[in-house]
Amino acid sequence: MFGASLPSVPASAVPDDIYLLDVREDDEWAAGHAPAAHHLPMTELPVRIAEIPQDRDVAVICRSGGRSAQVVGYLMRNGWDQVRNVDGGMGDWAAAGRPVVTDDGQPGRVA
């Protein structure tokens, strides 16, 4: 859908030390997210792009992989070269047994 040139990583293989950027909306984030993820809704990306590091690997995640793929493309067009889409998004993340928590550390769910 987004072309073979879009770098990606399976949710089950996202390294623990990567900068994980969650681009879902506030209500999706509140329901549950990866413990070490950084939240920046896709709609806020243009004005907050400077918050995303360019000197380390970045993996971008959403619910199913569509919005995050768009963000990866946007970042690549704006100079990021160490960025990858998380295939299958938070749905595959949870299915792979990766942790999903709420802001208070309680078990979360993918919304």
Protein backbone atom coordinates (compact mmCIF):
# COMPACT_ATOMS: atom_id res chain seq x y z
CA MET A 1 0.00 0.00 0.00
CA PHE A 2 2.84 2.41 0.82
CA GLY A 3 5.51 0.88 -1.37
CA ALA A 4 8.39 -1.47 -0.76
CA SER A 5 10.75 1.36 0.15
CA LEU A 6 9.02 2.06 3.46
CA PRO A 7 11.18 0.58 6.23
CA SER A 8 9.26 -1.50 8.73
CA VAL A 9 9.67 -3.86 11.65
CA PRO A 10 7.29 -6.54 12.97
CA ALA A 11 5.74 -5.63 16.32
CA SER A 12 7.27 -8.75 17.84
CA ALA A 13 10.78 -7.60 16.84
CA VAL A 14 10.77 -3.96 18.01
CA PRO A 15 13.90 -3.56 20.16
CA ASP A 16 13.31 -2.56 23.78
CA ASP A 17 15.76 0.35 23.52
CA ILE A 18 14.27 1.99 20.40
CA TYR A 19 12.49 5.36 20.52
CA LEU A 20 8.89 4.17 20.09
CA LEU A 21 6.63 6.94 18.79
CA ASP A 22 2.89 6.32 19.27
CA VAL A 23 0.89 8.54 16.90
CA ARG A 24 -2.61 7.49 17.99
CA GLU A 25 -5.22 9.87 19.37
CA ASP A 26 -5.48 10.69 23.08
CA ASP A 27 -8.36 8.25 23.76
CA GLU A 28 -6.49 5.38 22.09
CA TRP A 29 -3.34 6.17 24.09
CA ALA A 30 -5.32 6.39 27.36
CA ALA A 31 -6.82 2.93 26.80
CA GLY A 32 -3.38 1.36 26.53
CA HIS A 33 0.07 1.81 25.07
CA ALA A 34 3.55 0.31 25.13
CA PRO A 35 5.23 1.14 28.46
CA ALA A 36 8.19 3.06 26.99
CA ALA A 37 6.32 4.73 24.12
CA HIS A 38 6.32 8.48 23.49
CA HIS A 39 2.91 9.91 22.61
CA LEU A 40 2.60 12.44 19.80
CA PRO A 41 -0.75 12.32 17.95
CA MET A 42 -0.36 12.30 14.17
CA THR A 43 -2.36 15.53 13.86
CA GLU A 44 0.21 17.35 16.03
CA LEU A 45 3.27 16.08 14.16
CA PRO A 46 3.96 19.15 11.99
CA VAL A 47 4.19 21.50 14.99
CA ARG A 48 5.97 19.04 17.30
CA ILE A 49 8.34 17.37 14.83
CA ALA A 50 11.41 18.72 16.67
CA GLU A 51 10.55 16.42 19.61
CA ILE A 52 11.44 13.35 17.55
CA PRO A 53 15.13 12.42 17.73
CA GLN A 54 17.12 12.23 14.52
CA ASP A 55 20.22 10.68 16.07
CA ARG A 56 18.76 7.28 16.98
CA ASP A 57 16.42 4.62 15.64
CA VAL A 58 12.73 5.51 15.77
CA ALA A 59 9.82 3.08 15.38
CA VAL A 60 6.39 4.58 14.72
CA ILE A 61 3.23 2.79 15.87
CA CYS A 62 -0.54 3.35 15.62
CA ARG A 63 -3.49 0.96 15.99
CA SER A 64 -3.02 -1.06 12.79
CA GLY A 65 -0.06 0.43 10.88
CA GLY A 66 -1.73 2.85 8.45
CA ARG A 67 -1.28 6.16 10.24
CA SER A 68 2.19 5.22 11.39
CA ALA A 69 3.18 4.41 7.79
CA GLN A 70 2.06 7.89 6.76
CA VAL A 71 4.13 9.39 9.59
CA VAL A 72 7.20 7.35 8.59
CA GLY A 73 6.87 8.69 5.03
CA TYR A 74 6.50 12.24 6.33
CA LEU A 75 9.53 11.93 8.57
CA MET A 76 11.63 10.45 5.76
CA ARG A 77 10.68 13.34 3.48
CA ASN A 78 11.80 15.70 6.26
CA GLY A 79 15.24 14.24 6.84
CA TRP A 80 14.79 11.27 9.19
CA ASP A 81 16.66 8.20 7.97
CA GLN A 82 16.54 5.94 11.04
CA VAL A 83 12.76 5.52 11.13
CA ARG A 84 10.59 2.42 10.66
CA ASN A 85 6.90 1.58 10.70
CA VAL A 86 5.68 -1.03 13.19
CA ASP A 87 3.82 -3.55 11.03
CA GLY A 88 0.35 -4.30 12.34
CA GLY A 89 0.50 -1.56 14.96
CA MET A 90 -0.70 -1.98 18.53
CA GLY A 91 -2.99 -4.83 17.43
CA ASP A 92 0.01 -6.96 16.47
CA TRP A 93 1.96 -5.61 19.45
CA ALA A 94 -0.65 -6.98 21.87
CA ALA A 95 -1.08 -10.21 19.86
CA ALA A 96 2.68 -10.79 20.14
CA GLY A 97 2.37 -10.68 23.94
CA ARG A 98 4.13 -7.32 24.27
CA PRO A 99 2.98 -5.27 27.30
CA VAL A 100 0.11 -2.78 27.02
CA VAL A 101 -0.40 -0.43 29.97
CA THR A 102 -2.29 2.69 30.98
CA ASP A 103 -0.58 5.84 32.24
CA ASP A 104 -0.79 4.57 35.82
CA GLY A 105 0.94 1.30 34.90
CA GLN A 106 -2.17 -0.86 35.02
CA PRO A 107 -2.91 -3.39 32.26
CA GLY A 108 -4.32 -1.61 29.22
CA ARG A 109 -6.11 -2.56 26.04
CA VAL A 110 -5.80 -1.63 22.40
CA ALA A 111 -8.59 0.72 21.41
